[in-house]
Amino acid sequence: MSGRWLAGKAGAAMLTLIFVIIFNFFLFRVMGDPTTQLARLPNSSPEEIEKLRADYGIDKPLSGQFLDYAGDTVRLDFGVSQRSREEVWDEMKAALPWTLLLVGTGTVLATLIGSWMGVIAATRRGKKTDDSLLGFSLLTYAAPEYWIGIILILVFAVAAPILPAGQQVTPGVEFSSWISEALSVAEHMILPVTAMTLMLLGQYFLIMRSSMVDVLTEDFITVKRAIGRSHEQVIRRHAVPN
């Protein structure tokens, strides 16, 4: 059963990838040939237009363009950035460690804090603590992530400039040791990690609270309480693991 499940998931992921490749390919060709706009410029020559079409591969038939696009995608060849004129994959590789650090830290914190809040809310179901935590989690769950980030920047980087709003480290600073550099990285991560944590916090809270509410109504929890187990033991040793 597990093998079939994994095969099904892999097949679904492959179909999704194929669909995304096809969709992206045709999405940017709905407006037609982009060089037709350049041809209307007074200083453009037919030779320059043809060279541009050849450079971008749009001088080929649509089927040939799609095969080139799909092949480049599989080889992780995403072309040259229009902004920096650098290879897109090189820019992605440079940003990938920072992205993984941000997402990983935010996910771990959201899981730990959200689960802890869910346990507290479930054990105080129907009380003010439960209502407050539930309202806070629903607010963070429903709020757009960009809105959370903007609010944090406006409050802690603009109104009260105590934290940096961007960059990985303080620019133009030569660090005397790796510790000082790590502290600078940690300082610059506070706002984005907080935004990421708040963005993910609600779903982990709701999952843990719902699971805990169900577990606390099970018969084995009643038995544990009946044999004299304390409230903390019941929650920590029996309810949370289940």
Protein backbone atom coordinates (compact mmCIF):
# COMPACT_ATOMS: atom_id res chain seq x y z
CA MET A 1 0.00 0.00 0.00
CA SER A 2 2.81 2.42 0.86
CA GLY A 3 4.52 1.69 -2.46
CA ARG A 4 1.34 2.46 -4.37
CA TRP A 5 0.87 5.62 -2.36
CA LEU A 6 4.39 6.82 -3.13
CA ALA A 7 3.97 5.93 -6.80
CA GLY A 8 0.71 7.86 -6.90
CA LYS A 9 2.29 10.89 -5.28
CA ALA A 10 5.26 10.76 -7.65
CA GLY A 11 2.94 10.44 -10.64
CA ALA A 12 0.82 13.37 -9.47
CA ALA A 13 3.93 15.49 -8.95
CA MET A 14 5.18 14.62 -12.44
CA LEU A 15 1.83 15.50 -14.02
CA THR A 16 1.81 18.78 -12.11
CA LEU A 17 5.32 19.60 -13.32
CA ILE A 18 4.36 18.83 -16.92
CA PHE A 19 1.25 21.00 -16.62
CA VAL A 20 3.25 23.90 -15.16
CA ILE A 21 5.84 23.68 -17.95
CA ILE A 22 3.14 23.68 -20.64
CA PHE A 23 1.18 26.48 -18.96
CA ASN A 24 4.23 28.72 -18.51
CA PHE A 25 5.32 28.14 -22.09
CA PHE A 26 2.02 29.21 -23.64
CA LEU A 27 1.32 31.94 -21.08
CA PHE A 28 4.18 34.10 -22.32
CA ARG A 29 3.25 33.50 -25.96
CA VAL A 30 -0.36 34.61 -25.74
CA MET A 31 0.65 38.17 -26.65
CA GLY A 32 2.45 36.99 -29.78
CA ASP A 33 5.96 37.74 -31.01
CA PRO A 34 7.57 40.40 -28.76
CA THR A 35 9.92 41.51 -31.54
CA THR A 36 7.01 42.97 -33.50
CA GLN A 37 6.99 45.87 -31.04
CA LEU A 38 10.73 46.42 -31.53
CA ALA A 39 10.29 46.43 -35.30
CA ARG A 40 8.21 49.60 -34.99
CA LEU A 41 11.09 51.55 -33.48
CA PRO A 42 12.68 53.98 -35.94
CA ASN A 43 16.27 52.89 -35.26
CA SER A 44 15.70 49.12 -35.49
CA SER A 45 16.88 47.19 -38.52
CA PRO A 46 15.56 43.86 -39.87
CA GLU A 47 18.96 42.29 -39.23
CA GLU A 48 18.87 43.25 -35.56
CA ILE A 49 15.33 41.92 -35.21
CA GLU A 50 16.27 38.59 -36.81
CA LYS A 51 19.34 38.29 -34.60
CA LEU A 52 17.20 38.95 -31.54
CA ARG A 53 14.70 36.32 -32.64
CA ALA A 54 17.51 33.83 -33.13
CA ASP A 55 19.07 34.64 -29.74
CA TYR A 56 15.79 33.94 -27.95
CA GLY A 57 14.88 30.97 -30.13
CA ILE A 58 11.59 32.44 -31.32
CA ASP A 59 12.58 32.05 -34.97
CA LYS A 60 11.74 28.34 -34.70
CA PRO A 61 8.30 26.75 -35.05
CA LEU A 62 6.19 26.59 -31.89
CA SER A 63 6.91 22.87 -31.45
CA GLY A 64 10.65 23.49 -31.62
CA GLN A 65 10.38 26.34 -29.13
CA PHE A 66 8.52 24.10 -26.69
CA LEU A 67 11.09 21.30 -26.97
CA ASP A 68 13.88 23.79 -26.31
CA TYR A 69 11.98 25.25 -23.36
CA ALA A 70 11.23 21.85 -21.81
CA GLY A 71 14.80 20.65 -22.34
CA ASP A 72 16.28 23.78 -20.79
CA THR A 73 13.93 23.43 -17.81
CA VAL A 74 14.98 19.83 -17.21
CA ARG A 75 18.66 20.86 -17.40
CA LEU A 76 17.99 23.78 -15.02
CA ASP A 77 19.03 26.19 -17.74
CA PHE A 78 16.71 29.15 -17.14
CA GLY A 79 18.55 31.59 -19.36
CA VAL A 80 19.84 35.04 -18.49
CA SER A 81 18.20 37.44 -16.07
CA GLN A 82 16.77 40.52 -17.78
CA ARG A 83 17.66 42.60 -14.73
CA SER A 84 21.25 41.62 -13.93
CA ARG A 85 22.23 39.87 -17.19
CA GLU A 86 23.56 37.00 -15.10
CA GLU A 87 22.60 33.35 -15.40
CA VAL A 88 19.30 32.77 -13.59
CA TRP A 89 20.48 29.46 -12.15
CA ASP A 90 23.60 31.11 -10.71
CA GLU A 91 21.44 33.72 -8.98
CA MET A 92 19.14 30.98 -7.67
CA LYS A 93 22.09 29.02 -6.28
CA ALA A 94 23.37 32.13 -4.51
CA ALA A 95 19.97 32.77 -2.92
CA LEU A 96 19.11 29.13 -2.15
CA PRO A 97 21.08 28.78 1.15
CA TRP A 98 19.50 31.95 2.53
CA THR A 99 16.06 30.79 1.43
CA LEU A 100 16.49 27.40 3.07
CA LEU A 101 17.76 29.06 6.25
CA LEU A 102 14.77 31.40 6.38
CA VAL A 103 12.13 28.81 5.51
CA GLY A 104 13.67 26.14 7.74
CA THR A 105 13.97 28.41 10.77
CA GLY A 106 10.48 29.82 10.31
CA THR A 107 8.94 26.37 9.84
CA VAL A 108 10.63 24.92 12.91
CA LEU A 109 9.60 27.86 15.09
CA ALA A 110 6.04 27.84 13.74
CA THR A 111 5.75 24.10 14.39
CA LEU A 112 7.04 24.33 17.96
CA ILE A 113 5.16 27.49 18.96
CA GLY A 114 1.96 26.58 17.12
CA SER A 115 1.88 23.08 18.60
CA TRP A 116 2.54 24.42 22.10
CA MET A 117 -0.23 26.98 21.72
CA GLY A 118 -2.55 24.27 20.39
CA VAL A 119 -1.96 22.12 23.47
CA ILE A 120 -2.66 25.03 25.81
CA ALA A 121 -5.83 26.00 23.93
CA ALA A 122 -7.15 22.43 23.87
CA THR A 123 -6.61 21.92 27.60
CA ARG A 124 -8.45 25.18 28.27
CA ARG A 125 -11.20 24.68 25.73
CA GLY A 126 -14.02 27.20 26.00
CA LYS A 127 -12.11 29.54 28.28
CA LYS A 128 -10.69 32.98 27.59
CA THR A 129 -7.24 31.54 26.94
CA ASP A 130 -8.64 29.28 24.24
CA ASP A 131 -10.65 32.10 22.68
CA SER A 132 -7.65 34.46 22.67
CA LEU A 133 -5.25 31.95 21.14
CA LEU A 134 -7.84 30.82 18.61
CA GLY A 135 -8.55 34.40 17.56
CA PHE A 136 -4.84 35.22 17.25
CA SER A 137 -4.12 32.09 15.20
CA LEU A 138 -7.06 32.71 12.87
CA LEU A 139 -5.85 36.28 12.35
CA THR A 140 -2.33 35.18 11.39
CA TYR A 141 -3.70 32.30 9.31
CA ALA A 142 -6.00 34.55 7.29
CA ALA A 143 -3.67 37.54 6.96
CA PRO A 144 -1.72 37.75 3.67
CA GLU A 145 1.95 37.01 4.26
CA TYR A 146 3.08 40.16 2.47
CA TRP A 147 0.82 42.21 4.76
CA ILE A 148 2.47 40.73 7.84
CA GLY A 149 5.89 41.54 6.43
CA ILE A 150 4.92 45.11 5.57
CA ILE A 151 3.51 45.73 9.05
CA LEU A 152 6.66 44.38 10.72
CA ILE A 153 8.89 46.56 8.54
CA LEU A 154 6.79 49.68 9.13
CA VAL A 155 6.77 49.17 12.89
CA PHE A 156 10.25 47.85 13.67
CA ALA A 157 12.35 49.23 10.79
CA VAL A 158 10.66 52.56 9.99
CA ALA A 159 8.61 53.88 12.92
CA ALA A 160 10.98 52.46 15.53
CA PRO A 161 14.16 51.66 13.59
CA ILE A 162 15.55 48.98 15.86
CA LEU A 163 15.84 46.19 13.28
CA PRO A 164 17.12 46.07 9.68
CA ALA A 165 14.50 45.79 6.95
CA GLY A 166 16.57 43.83 4.44
CA GLN A 167 19.89 42.31 3.38
CA GLN A 168 21.55 39.24 4.86
CA VAL A 169 24.26 41.12 6.74
CA THR A 170 25.14 44.75 7.36
CA PRO A 171 26.54 46.02 4.03
CA GLY A 172 30.01 47.56 3.92
CA VAL A 173 31.11 46.05 7.23
CA GLU A 174 34.22 43.89 7.62
CA PHE A 175 33.58 41.34 10.35
CA SER A 176 36.38 40.53 12.74
CA SER A 177 35.20 36.95 13.29
CA TRP A 178 32.56 34.49 12.20
CA ILE A 179 30.73 35.13 15.47
CA SER A 180 30.19 38.81 14.65
CA GLU A 181 29.05 37.86 11.16
CA ALA A 182 26.65 35.26 12.56
CA LEU A 183 25.22 37.84 14.95
CA SER A 184 24.67 40.21 12.03
CA VAL A 185 22.91 37.45 10.09
CA ALA A 186 20.74 36.67 13.11
CA GLU A 187 19.82 40.34 13.50
CA HIS A 188 18.82 40.61 9.85
CA MET A 189 16.78 37.40 10.10
CA ILE A 190 14.56 38.55 12.96
CA LEU A 191 11.93 40.32 10.86
CA PRO A 192 11.68 37.81 7.98
CA VAL A 193 11.71 34.82 10.33
CA THR A 194 9.02 36.45 12.47
CA ALA A 195 6.90 37.04 9.37
CA MET A 196 7.41 33.45 8.22
CA THR A 197 6.61 32.09 11.68
CA LEU A 198 3.42 34.13 11.99
CA MET A 199 2.38 33.09 8.50
CA LEU A 200 2.68 29.36 9.33
CA LEU A 201 1.74 29.54 13.01
CA GLY A 202 -2.02 29.42 12.54
CA GLN A 203 -2.20 26.16 10.64
CA TYR A 204 0.01 24.26 13.09
CA PHE A 205 -2.02 25.68 15.98
CA LEU A 206 -5.33 24.62 14.44
CA ILE A 207 -4.04 21.14 13.62
CA MET A 208 -2.68 20.54 17.13
CA ARG A 209 -5.73 22.01 18.86
CA SER A 210 -8.14 19.91 16.81
CA SER A 211 -6.12 16.74 17.41
CA MET A 212 -5.79 17.42 21.14
CA VAL A 213 -9.52 18.11 21.54
CA ASP A 214 -10.28 14.74 19.94
CA VAL A 215 -7.66 12.87 21.99
CA LEU A 216 -8.82 14.36 25.29
CA THR A 217 -12.28 12.84 24.74
CA GLU A 218 -10.92 9.32 24.23
CA ASP A 219 -11.64 6.59 26.78
CA PHE A 220 -7.98 5.89 27.57
CA ILE A 221 -7.55 9.50 28.75
CA THR A 222 -10.49 9.03 31.13
CA VAL A 223 -8.90 5.81 32.41
CA LYS A 224 -5.55 7.52 33.02
CA ARG A 225 -7.26 10.23 35.03
CA ALA A 226 -9.31 7.67 36.95
CA ILE A 227 -6.21 5.77 38.10
CA GLY A 228 -4.77 8.94 39.61
CA ARG A 229 -2.51 10.38 36.93
CA SER A 230 -2.03 14.12 37.31
CA HIS A 231 -3.24 16.56 34.68
CA GLU A 232 0.32 17.31 33.55
CA GLN A 233 1.14 13.60 33.21
CA VAL A 234 -2.00 12.93 31.20
CA ILE A 235 -1.26 15.79 28.83
CA ARG A 236 2.49 15.31 28.48
CA ARG A 237 2.76 11.50 28.43
CA HIS A 238 -0.49 10.38 26.84
CA ALA A 239 -2.40 13.15 25.06
CA VAL A 240 0.41 14.96 23.24
CA PRO A 241 2.13 11.83 21.81
CA ASN A 242 -1.20 10.64 20.43
